[in-house]
PDB file of N, CA and C in Angstrom:
ATOM      1  N   MET A   1      60.049 100.786 244.284  1.00  0.00           N
ATOM      2  CA  MET A   1      60.025 102.030 245.015  1.00  0.00           C
ATOM      3  C   MET A   1      59.580 103.122 244.044  1.00  0.00           C
ATOM      4  N   ARG A   2      58.753 103.965 244.523  1.00  0.00           N
ATOM      5  CA  ARG A   2      58.264 105.052 243.684  1.00  0.00           C
ATOM      6  C   ARG A   2      59.244 106.202 243.702  1.00  0.00           C
ATOM      7  N   LEU A   3      59.300 106.922 242.612  1.00  0.00           N
ATOM      8  CA  LEU A   3      60.226 108.044 242.466  1.00  0.00           C
ATOM      9  C   LEU A   3      59.977 109.116 243.524  1.00  0.00           C
ATOM     10  N   GLY A   4      58.723 109.370 243.845  1.00  0.00           N
ATOM     11  CA  GLY A   4      58.381 110.382 244.852  1.00  0.00           C
ATOM     12  C   GLY A   4      58.952 110.029 246.217  1.00  0.00           C
ATOM     13  N   ASN A   5      58.836 108.752 246.597  1.00  0.00           N
ATOM     14  CA  ASN A   5      59.386 108.311 247.886  1.00  0.00           C
ATOM     15  C   ASN A   5      60.908 108.422 247.895  1.00  0.00           C
ATOM     16  N   PHE A   6      61.516 108.067 246.785  1.00  0.00           N
ATOM     17  CA  PHE A   6      62.974 108.160 246.681  1.00  0.00           C
ATOM     18  C   PHE A   6      63.438 109.607 246.830  1.00  0.00           C
ATOM     19  N   LEU A   7      62.799 110.529 246.119  1.00  0.00           N
ATOM     20  CA  LEU A   7      63.178 111.946 246.190  1.00  0.00           C
ATOM     21  C   LEU A   7      62.923 112.521 247.582  1.00  0.00           C
ATOM     22  N   ALA A   8      61.858 112.078 248.228  1.00  0.00           N
ATOM     23  CA  ALA A   8      61.589 112.528 249.597  1.00  0.00           C
ATOM     24  C   ALA A   8      62.701 112.056 250.534  1.00  0.00           C
ATOM     25  N   GLY A   9      63.157 110.828 250.360  1.00  0.00           N
ATOM     26  CA  GLY A   9      64.262 110.309 251.181  1.00  0.00           C
ATOM     27  C   GLY A   9      65.549 111.076 250.962  1.00  0.00           C
ATOM     28  N   VAL A  10      65.838 111.402 249.708  1.00  0.00           N
ATOM     29  CA  VAL A  10      67.038 112.188 249.395  1.00  0.00           C
ATOM     30  C   VAL A  10      66.938 113.566 250.035  1.00  0.00           C
ATOM     31  N   ALA A  11      65.767 114.195 249.943  1.00  0.00           N
ATOM     32  CA  ALA A  11      65.574 115.531 250.520  1.00  0.00           C
ATOM     33  C   ALA A  11      65.760 115.504 252.036  1.00  0.00           C
ATOM     34  N   VAL A  12      65.202 114.496 252.693  1.00  0.00           N
ATOM     35  CA  VAL A  12      65.355 114.371 254.149  1.00  0.00           C
ATOM     36  C   VAL A  12      66.828 114.178 254.510  1.00  0.00           C
ATOM     37  N   GLY A  13      67.538 113.374 253.748  1.00  0.00           N
ATOM     38  CA  GLY A  13      68.970 113.167 254.002  1.00  0.00           C
ATOM     39  C   GLY A  13      69.770 114.446 253.857  1.00  0.00           C
ATOM     40  N   ILE A  14      69.494 115.206 252.822  1.00  0.00           N
ATOM     41  CA  ILE A  14      70.209 116.469 252.605  1.00  0.00           C
ATOM     42  C   ILE A  14      69.899 117.460 253.714  1.00  0.00           C
ATOM     43  N   LEU A  15      68.626 117.597 254.069  1.00  0.00           N
ATOM     44  CA  LEU A  15      68.252 118.520 255.145  1.00  0.00           C
ATOM     45  C   LEU A  15      68.845 118.090 256.486  1.00  0.00           C
ATOM     46  N   GLY A  16      68.855 116.791 256.749  1.00  0.00           N
ATOM     47  CA  GLY A  16      69.447 116.293 257.997  1.00  0.00           C
ATOM     48  C   GLY A  16      70.933 116.592 258.077  1.00  0.00           C
ATOM     49  N   THR A  17      71.636 116.376 256.988  1.00  0.00           N
ATOM     50  CA  THR A  17      73.074 116.673 256.945  1.00  0.00           C
ATOM     51  C   THR A  17      73.325 118.153 257.161  1.00  0.00           C
ATOM     52  N   TYR A  18      72.536 118.996 256.516  1.00  0.00           N
ATOM     53  CA  TYR A  18      72.686 120.447 256.671  1.00  0.00           C
ATOM     54  C   TYR A  18      72.445 120.855 258.123  1.00  0.00           C
ATOM     55  N   ALA A  19      71.389 120.323 258.735  1.00  0.00           N
ATOM     56  CA  ALA A  19      71.061 120.677 260.114  1.00  0.00           C
ATOM     57  C   ALA A  19      72.171 120.256 261.071  1.00  0.00           C
ATOM     58  N   ILE A  20      72.718 119.081 260.878  1.00  0.00           N
ATOM     59  CA  ILE A  20      73.801 118.614 261.748  1.00  0.00           C
ATOM     60  C   ILE A  20      75.021 119.517 261.616  1.00  0.00           C
ATOM     61  N   GLN A  21      75.391 119.863 260.392  1.00  0.00           N
ATOM     62  CA  GLN A  21      76.558 120.725 260.182  1.00  0.00           C
ATOM     63  C   GLN A  21      76.314 122.127 260.715  1.00  0.00           C
ATOM     64  N   LYS A  22      75.096 122.609 260.626  1.00  0.00           N
ATOM     65  CA  LYS A  22      74.771 123.968 261.058  1.00  0.00           C
ATOM     66  C   LYS A  22      74.773 124.100 262.578  1.00  0.00           C
ATOM     67  N   PHE A  23      74.246 123.107 263.270  1.00  0.00           N
ATOM     68  CA  PHE A  23      74.021 123.245 264.701  1.00  0.00           C
ATOM     69  C   PHE A  23      75.020 122.512 265.583  1.00  0.00           C
ATOM     70  N   MET A  24      75.839 121.658 265.022  1.00  0.00           N
ATOM     71  CA  MET A  24      76.883 121.000 265.804  1.00  0.00           C
ATOM     72  C   MET A  24      78.090 121.924 265.866  1.00  0.00           C
ATOM     73  N   PRO A  25      78.711 122.042 267.030  1.00  0.00           N
ATOM     74  CA  PRO A  25      79.897 122.905 267.091  1.00  0.00           C
ATOM     75  C   PRO A  25      81.023 122.346 266.230  1.00  0.00           C
ATOM     76  N   SER A  26      81.698 123.233 265.554  1.00  0.00           N
ATOM     77  CA  SER A  26      82.837 122.786 264.745  1.00  0.00           C
ATOM     78  C   SER A  26      84.116 123.284 265.407  1.00  0.00           C
ATOM     79  N   TYR A  27      85.129 122.461 265.388  1.00  0.00           N
ATOM     80  CA  TYR A  27      86.391 122.784 266.030  1.00  0.00           C
ATOM     81  C   TYR A  27      87.504 122.807 264.996  1.00  0.00           C
ATOM     82  N   ILE A  28      88.503 123.645 265.266  1.00  0.00           N
ATOM     83  CA  ILE A  28      89.705 123.577 264.452  1.00  0.00           C
ATOM     84  C   ILE A  28      90.449 122.308 264.859  1.00  0.00           C
ATOM     85  N   SER A  29      91.312 121.827 264.020  1.00  0.00           N
ATOM     86  CA  SER A  29      92.063 120.622 264.370  1.00  0.00           C
ATOM     87  C   SER A  29      93.125 120.964 265.414  1.00  0.00           C
ATOM     88  N   SER A  30      93.573 119.964 266.134  1.00  0.00           N
ATOM     89  CA  SER A  30      94.627 120.186 267.127  1.00  0.00           C
ATOM     90  C   SER A  30      95.907 120.658 266.438  1.00  0.00           C
ATOM     91  N   ASP A  31      96.170 120.173 265.227  1.00  0.00           N
ATOM     92  CA  ASP A  31      97.348 120.625 264.473  1.00  0.00           C
ATOM     93  C   ASP A  31      97.256 122.112 264.141  1.00  0.00           C
ATOM     94  N   GLN A  32      96.061 122.565 263.740  1.00  0.00           N
ATOM     95  CA  GLN A  32      95.877 123.987 263.454  1.00  0.00           C
ATOM     96  C   GLN A  32      96.062 124.815 264.721  1.00  0.00           C
ATOM     97  N   ALA A  33      95.514 124.333 265.840  1.00  0.00           N
ATOM     98  CA  ALA A  33      95.638 125.050 267.104  1.00  0.00           C
ATOM     99  C   ALA A  33      97.107 125.185 267.504  1.00  0.00           C
ATOM    100  N   LEU A  34      97.866 124.099 267.386  1.00  0.00           N
ATOM    101  CA  LEU A  34      99.285 124.137 267.737  1.00  0.00           C
ATOM    102  C   LEU A  34     100.044 125.093 266.817  1.00  0.00           C
ATOM    103  N   LYS A  35      99.715 125.080 265.551  1.00  0.00           N
ATOM    104  CA  LYS A  35     100.376 125.976 264.598  1.00  0.00           C
ATOM    105  C   LYS A  35     100.131 127.442 264.972  1.00  0.00           C
ATOM    106  N   LEU A  36      98.895 127.785 265.351  1.00  0.00           N
ATOM    107  CA  LEU A  36      98.578 129.159 265.750  1.00  0.00           C
ATOM    108  C   LEU A  36      99.349 129.570 267.006  1.00  0.00           C
ATOM    109  N   VAL A  37      99.405 128.668 267.986  1.00  0.00           N
ATOM    110  CA  VAL A  37     100.115 128.967 269.232  1.00  0.00           C
ATOM    111  C   VAL A  37     101.608 129.145 268.956  1.00  0.00           C
ATOM    112  N   LYS A  38     102.176 128.258 268.151  1.00  0.00           N
ATOM    113  CA  LYS A  38     103.607 128.355 267.840  1.00  0.00           C
ATOM    114  C   LYS A  38     103.929 129.660 267.109  1.00  0.00           C
ATOM    115  N   GLN A  39     103.040 130.105 266.229  1.00  0.00           N
ATOM    116  CA  GLN A  39     103.260 131.383 265.546  1.00  0.00           C
ATOM    117  C   GLN A  39     103.375 132.519 266.551  1.00  0.00           C
ATOM    118  N   GLU A  40     102.528 132.512 267.570  1.00  0.00           N
ATOM    119  CA  GLU A  40     102.569 133.566 268.587  1.00  0.00           C
ATOM    120  C   GLU A  40     103.844 133.485 269.424  1.00  0.00           C
ATOM    121  N   PHE A  41     104.225 132.281 269.842  1.00  0.00           N
ATOM    122  CA  PHE A  41     105.424 132.138 270.661  1.00  0.00           C
ATOM    123  C   PHE A  41     106.693 132.447 269.874  1.00  0.00           C
ATOM    124  N   LYS A  42     106.708 132.155 268.586  1.00  0.00           N
ATOM    125  CA  LYS A  42     107.894 132.434 267.771  1.00  0.00           C
ATOM    126  C   LYS A  42     108.157 133.928 267.636  1.00  0.00           C
ATOM    127  N   LYS A  43     107.152 134.750 267.892  1.00  0.00           N
ATOM    128  CA  LYS A  43     107.348 136.205 267.882  1.00  0.00           C
ATOM    129  C   LYS A  43     108.277 136.631 269.019  1.00  0.00           C
ATOM    130  N   GLN A  44     108.355 135.815 270.076  1.00  0.00           N
ATOM    131  CA  GLN A  44     109.194 136.115 271.241  1.00  0.00           C
ATOM    132  C   GLN A  44     110.547 135.425 271.174  1.00  0.00           C
ATOM    133  N   GLY A  45     110.734 134.532 270.223  1.00  0.00           N
ATOM    134  CA  GLY A  45     112.005 133.826 270.102  1.00  0.00           C
ATOM    135  C   GLY A  45     111.796 132.395 269.657  1.00  0.00           C
ATOM    136  N   PRO A  46     112.906 131.658 269.457  1.00  0.00           N
ATOM    137  CA  PRO A  46     112.798 130.283 268.957  1.00  0.00           C
ATOM    138  C   PRO A  46     112.155 129.335 269.975  1.00  0.00           C
ATOM    139  N   ILE A  47     111.562 128.288 269.436  1.00  0.00           N
ATOM    140  CA  ILE A  47     110.919 127.240 270.232  1.00  0.00           C
ATOM    141  C   ILE A  47     111.737 125.965 270.074  1.00  0.00           C
ATOM    142  N   ASP A  48     111.991 125.269 271.185  1.00  0.00           N
ATOM    143  CA  ASP A  48     112.742 124.014 271.133  1.00  0.00           C
ATOM    144  C   ASP A  48     111.839 122.810 270.892  1.00  0.00           C
ATOM    145  N   GLY A  49     110.618 122.844 271.414  1.00  0.00           N
ATOM    146  CA  GLY A  49     109.708 121.719 271.256  1.00  0.00           C
ATOM    147  C   GLY A  49     108.284 122.126 271.569  1.00  0.00           C
ATOM    148  N   SER A  50     107.336 121.297 271.159  1.00  0.00           N
ATOM    149  CA  SER A  50     105.930 121.584 271.422  1.00  0.00           C
ATOM    150  C   SER A  50     105.124 120.291 271.388  1.00  0.00           C
ATOM    151  N   TRP A  51     103.963 120.311 272.029  1.00  0.00           N
ATOM    152  CA  TRP A  51     103.051 119.177 272.023  1.00  0.00           C
ATOM    153  C   TRP A  51     101.634 119.692 272.232  1.00  0.00           C
ATOM    154  N   ILE A  52     100.650 118.859 271.884  1.00  0.00           N
ATOM    155  CA  ILE A  52      99.249 119.211 272.105  1.00  0.00           C
ATOM    156  C   ILE A  52      98.429 117.929 272.222  1.00  0.00           C
ATOM    157  N   HIS A  53      97.420 117.941 273.096  1.00  0.00           N
ATOM    158  CA  HIS A  53      96.476 116.824 273.171  1.00  0.00           C
ATOM    159  C   HIS A  53      95.598 116.859 271.925  1.00  0.00           C
ATOM    160  N   MET A  54      95.310 115.708 271.374  1.00  0.00           N
ATOM    161  CA  MET A  54      94.560 115.624 270.118  1.00  0.00           C
ATOM    162  C   MET A  54      93.061 115.848 270.296  1.00  0.00           C
ATOM    163  N   GLU A  55      92.529 115.571 271.481  1.00  0.00           N
ATOM    164  CA  GLU A  55      91.092 115.715 271.738  1.00  0.00           C
ATOM    165  C   GLU A  55      90.842 116.928 272.635  1.00  0.00           C
ATOM    166  N   PRO A  56      89.853 117.762 272.295  1.00  0.00           N
ATOM    167  CA  PRO A  56      89.549 118.905 273.160  1.00  0.00           C
ATOM    168  C   PRO A  56      88.904 118.448 274.467  1.00  0.00           C
ATOM    169  N   GLU A  57      89.088 119.246 275.506  1.00  0.00           N
ATOM    170  CA  GLU A  57      88.459 118.982 276.792  1.00  0.00           C
ATOM    171  C   GLU A  57      87.689 120.225 277.212  1.00  0.00           C
ATOM    172  N   THR A  58      86.775 120.071 278.149  1.00  0.00           N
ATOM    173  CA  THR A  58      85.960 121.191 278.613  1.00  0.00           C
ATOM    174  C   THR A  58      86.568 121.771 279.882  1.00  0.00           C
ATOM    175  N   ILE A  59      86.700 123.104 279.903  1.00  0.00           N
ATOM    176  CA  ILE A  59      87.141 123.808 281.109  1.00  0.00           C
ATOM    177  C   ILE A  59      86.138 124.913 281.394  1.00  0.00           C
ATOM    178  N   GLU A  60      86.211 125.461 282.598  1.00  0.00           N
ATOM    179  CA  GLU A  60      85.355 126.586 282.945  1.00  0.00           C
ATOM    180  C   GLU A  60      86.221 127.723 283.462  1.00  0.00           C
ATOM    181  N   ARG A  61      86.023 128.901 282.901  1.00  0.00           N
ATOM    182  CA  ARG A  61      86.720 130.113 283.333  1.00  0.00           C
ATOM    183  C   ARG A  61      85.676 131.209 283.495  1.00  0.00           C
ATOM    184  N   ASN A  62      85.611 131.810 284.676  1.00  0.00           N
ATOM    185  CA  ASN A  62      84.662 132.893 284.947  1.00  0.00           C
ATOM    186  C   ASN A  62      83.226 132.485 284.607  1.00  0.00           C
ATOM    187  N   ASN A  63      82.851 131.286 285.028  1.00  0.00           N
ATOM    188  CA  ASN A  63      81.511 130.731 284.814  1.00  0.00           C
ATOM    189  C   ASN A  63      81.141 130.558 283.344  1.00  0.00           C
ATOM    190  N   ILE A  64      82.129 130.462 282.469  1.00  0.00           N
ATOM    191  CA  ILE A  64      81.904 130.201 281.048  1.00  0.00           C
ATOM    192  C   ILE A  64      82.639 128.915 280.690  1.00  0.00           C
ATOM    193  N   SER A  65      81.945 128.002 280.030  1.00  0.00           N
ATOM    194  CA  SER A  65      82.561 126.744 279.606  1.00  0.00           C
ATOM    195  C   SER A  65      83.195 126.908 278.235  1.00  0.00           C
ATOM    196  N   TYR A  66      84.376 126.332 278.077  1.00  0.00           N
ATOM    197  CA  TYR A  66      85.100 126.358 276.814  1.00  0.00           C
ATOM    198  C   TYR A  66      85.533 124.941 276.465  1.00  0.00           C
ATOM    199  N   ARG A  67      85.582 124.640 275.176  1.00  0.00           N
ATOM    200  CA  ARG A  67      86.238 123.429 274.691  1.00  0.00           C
ATOM    201  C   ARG A  67      87.634 123.868 274.285  1.00  0.00           C
ATOM    202  N   VAL A  68      88.646 123.245 274.878  1.00  0.00           N
ATOM    203  CA  VAL A  68      90.024 123.682 274.652  1.00  0.00           C
ATOM    204  C   VAL A  68      90.924 122.500 274.327  1.00  0.00           C
ATOM    205  N   TYR A  69      92.003 122.823 273.636  1.00  0.00           N
ATOM    206  CA  TYR A  69      93.116 121.900 273.488  1.00  0.00           C
ATOM    207  C   TYR A  69      94.162 122.320 274.511  1.00  0.00           C
ATOM    208  N   LYS A  70      94.780 121.350 275.147  1.00  0.00           N
ATOM    209  CA  LYS A  70      95.847 121.609 276.107  1.00  0.00           C
ATOM    210  C   LYS A  70      97.160 121.199 275.461  1.00  0.00           C
ATOM    211  N   GLY A  71      98.176 122.046 275.609  1.00  0.00           N
ATOM    212  CA  GLY A  71      99.463 121.741 275.006  1.00  0.00           C
ATOM    213  C   GLY A  71     100.597 122.400 275.756  1.00  0.00           C
ATOM    214  N   GLY A  72     101.790 122.297 275.194  1.00  0.00           N
ATOM    215  CA  GLY A  72     102.961 122.865 275.844  1.00  0.00           C
ATOM    216  C   GLY A  72     104.021 123.289 274.847  1.00  0.00           C
ATOM    217  N   ILE A  73     104.880 124.173 275.326  1.00  0.00           N
ATOM    218  CA  ILE A  73     105.993 124.723 274.548  1.00  0.00           C
ATOM    219  C   ILE A  73     107.253 124.622 275.399  1.00  0.00           C
ATOM    220  N   SER A  74     108.363 124.246 274.788  1.00  0.00           N
ATOM    221  CA  SER A  74     109.679 124.263 275.432  1.00  0.00           C
ATOM    222  C   SER A  74     110.530 125.286 274.706  1.00  0.00           C
ATOM    223  N   ARG A  75     111.239 126.100 275.470  1.00  0.00           N
ATOM    224  CA  ARG A  75     112.126 127.094 274.866  1.00  0.00           C
ATOM    225  C   ARG A  75     113.173 127.523 275.881  1.00  0.00           C
ATOM    226  N   MET A  76     114.137 128.283 275.407  1.00  0.00           N
ATOM    227  CA  MET A  76     115.153 128.856 276.288  1.00  0.00           C
ATOM    228  C   MET A  76     114.766 130.302 276.583  1.00  0.00           C
ATOM    229  N   SER A  77     114.889 130.693 277.840  1.00  0.00           N
ATOM    230  CA  SER A  77     114.607 132.060 278.257  1.00  0.00           C
ATOM    231  C   SER A  77     115.727 132.496 279.190  1.00  0.00           C
ATOM    232  N   ASP A  78     116.453 133.520 278.807  1.00  0.00           N
ATOM    233  CA  ASP A  78     117.610 133.996 279.589  1.00  0.00           C
ATOM    234  C   ASP A  78     118.594 132.853 279.848  1.00  0.00           C
ATOM    235  N   HIS A  79     118.870 132.071 278.832  1.00  0.00           N
ATOM    236  CA  HIS A  79     119.809 130.944 278.872  1.00  0.00           C
ATOM    237  C   HIS A  79     119.376 129.839 279.834  1.00  0.00           C
ATOM    238  N   GLU A  80     118.103 129.814 280.198  1.00  0.00           N
ATOM    239  CA  GLU A  80     117.544 128.775 281.064  1.00  0.00           C
ATOM    240  C   GLU A  80     116.397 128.085 280.322  1.00  0.00           C
ATOM    241  N   PRO A  81     116.274 126.757 280.466  1.00  0.00           N
ATOM    242  CA  PRO A  81     115.135 126.078 279.836  1.00  0.00           C
ATOM    243  C   PRO A  81     113.824 126.519 280.487  1.00  0.00           C
ATOM    244  N   GLU A  82     112.808 126.687 279.669  1.00  0.00           N
ATOM    245  CA  GLU A  82     111.499 127.124 280.154  1.00  0.00           C
ATOM    246  C   GLU A  82     110.426 126.208 279.563  1.00  0.00           C
ATOM    247  N   GLN A  83     109.544 125.715 280.419  1.00  0.00           N
ATOM    248  CA  GLN A  83     108.426 124.865 280.004  1.00  0.00           C
ATOM    249  C   GLN A  83     107.132 125.629 280.265  1.00  0.00           C
ATOM    250  N   LEU A  84     106.325 125.782 279.230  1.00  0.00           N
ATOM    251  CA  LEU A  84     105.051 126.477 279.347  1.00  0.00           C
ATOM    252  C   LEU A  84     103.934 125.549 278.895  1.00  0.00           C
ATOM    253  N   GLU A  85     102.798 125.625 279.563  1.00  0.00           N
ATOM    254  CA  GLU A  85     101.604 124.932 279.095  1.00  0.00           C
ATOM    255  C   GLU A  85     100.584 125.984 278.696  1.00  0.00           C
ATOM    256  N   PHE A  86      99.719 125.619 277.755  1.00  0.00           N
ATOM    257  CA  PHE A  86      98.721 126.566 277.279  1.00  0.00           C
ATOM    258  C   PHE A  86      97.380 125.868 277.092  1.00  0.00           C
ATOM    259  N   LEU A  87      96.334 126.680 277.098  1.00  0.00           N
ATOM    260  CA  LEU A  87      94.988 126.248 276.749  1.00  0.00           C
ATOM    261  C   LEU A  87      94.556 127.107 275.571  1.00  0.00           C
ATOM    262  N   VAL A  88      94.111 126.471 274.501  1.00  0.00           N
ATOM    263  CA  VAL A  88      93.697 127.205 273.306  1.00  0.00           C
ATOM    264  C   VAL A  88      92.264 126.798 272.953  1.00  0.00           C
ATOM    265  N   ASN A  89      91.429 127.802 272.690  1.00  0.00           N
ATOM    266  CA  ASN A  89      90.030 127.583 272.360  1.00  0.00           C
ATOM    267  C   ASN A  89      89.922 126.708 271.111  1.00  0.00           C
ATOM    268  N   ALA A  90      89.207 125.603 271.218  1.00  0.00           N
ATOM    269  CA  ALA A  90      89.095 124.652 270.106  1.00  0.00           C
ATOM    270  C   ALA A  90      88.196 125.168 268.984  1.00  0.00           C
ATOM    271  N   GLU A  91      87.389 126.195 269.268  1.00  0.00           N
ATOM    272  CA  GLU A  91      86.498 126.718 268.241  1.00  0.00           C
ATOM    273  C   GLU A  91      87.183 127.723 267.328  1.00  0.00           C
ATOM    274  N   ASN A  92      88.094 128.537 267.896  1.00  0.00           N
ATOM    275  CA  ASN A  92      88.660 129.616 267.074  1.00  0.00           C
ATOM    276  C   ASN A  92      90.169 129.794 267.200  1.00  0.00           C
ATOM    277  N   GLY A  93      90.833 129.029 268.046  1.00  0.00           N
ATOM    278  CA  GLY A  93      92.283 129.112 268.161  1.00  0.00           C
ATOM    279  C   GLY A  93      92.806 130.204 269.071  1.00  0.00           C
ATOM    280  N   THR A  94      91.930 130.867 269.811  1.00  0.00           N
ATOM    281  CA  THR A  94      92.358 131.907 270.743  1.00  0.00           C
ATOM    282  C   THR A  94      93.046 131.280 271.949  1.00  0.00           C
ATOM    283  N   ILE A  95      94.197 131.826 272.318  1.00  0.00           N
ATOM    284  CA  ILE A  95      94.908 131.340 273.505  1.00  0.00           C
ATOM    285  C   ILE A  95      94.167 131.849 274.733  1.00  0.00           C
ATOM    286  N   ILE A  96      93.703 130.925 275.571  1.00  0.00           N
ATOM    287  CA  ILE A  96      92.931 131.284 276.757  1.00  0.00           C
ATOM    288  C   ILE A  96      93.837 131.467 277.963  1.00  0.00           C
ATOM    289  N   ASP A  97      94.860 130.629 278.085  1.00  0.00           N
ATOM    290  CA  ASP A  97      95.734 130.699 279.256  1.00  0.00           C
ATOM    291  C   ASP A  97      97.109 130.148 278.900  1.00  0.00           C
ATOM    292  N   VAL A  98      98.135 130.716 279.523  1.00  0.00           N
ATOM    293  CA  VAL A  98      99.511 130.223 279.420  1.00  0.00           C
ATOM    294  C   VAL A  98     100.081 130.255 280.824  1.00  0.00           C
ATOM    295  N   TYR A  99     100.716 129.175 281.240  1.00  0.00           N
ATOM    296  CA  TYR A  99     101.333 129.159 282.560  1.00  0.00           C
ATOM    297  C   TYR A  99     102.652 128.415 282.497  1.00  0.00           C
ATOM    298  N   LYS A 100     103.572 128.883 283.330  1.00  0.00           N
ATOM    299  CA  LYS A 100     104.926 128.339 283.373  1.00  0.00           C
ATOM    300  C   LYS A 100     104.967 127.157 284.329  1.00  0.00           C
ATOM    301  N   LEU A 101     105.650 126.104 283.912  1.00  0.00           N
ATOM    302  CA  LEU A 101     105.856 124.942 284.766  1.00  0.00           C
ATOM    303  C   LEU A 101     107.201 125.073 285.458  1.00  0.00           C
ATOM    304  N   SER A 102     107.242 124.707 286.726  1.00  0.00           N
ATOM    305  CA  SER A 102     108.528 124.730 287.417  1.00  0.00           C
ATOM    306  C   SER A 102     109.282 123.452 287.070  1.00  0.00           C
ATOM    307  N   ILE A 103     110.560 123.587 286.830  1.00  0.00           N
ATOM    308  CA  ILE A 103     111.387 122.454 286.406  1.00  0.00           C
ATOM    309  C   ILE A 103     112.081 121.844 287.599  1.00  0.00           C
TER     310      ILE A 103
END
């Protein structure tokens, strides 16, 4: 193999890797998303439990598509158990929606 061909192959590999990283959407991890959500909920009081789906899913709100993690929080509110589910943007950790589940 000639050195020129080898260097050309290395250059193509580096450029390909850069292009993939630049143009593919990057997501925060589900653990990071849950940590951000828990920080916000802890401002309102203690949390008893939490969960999150590990893989993001696509939702549509106001004709805009989002990749989100879906999860939940358990806590006490006015001495009553409260179950909440949330949707958090997988790209930046912004909470998109929170809704209460009836027990």
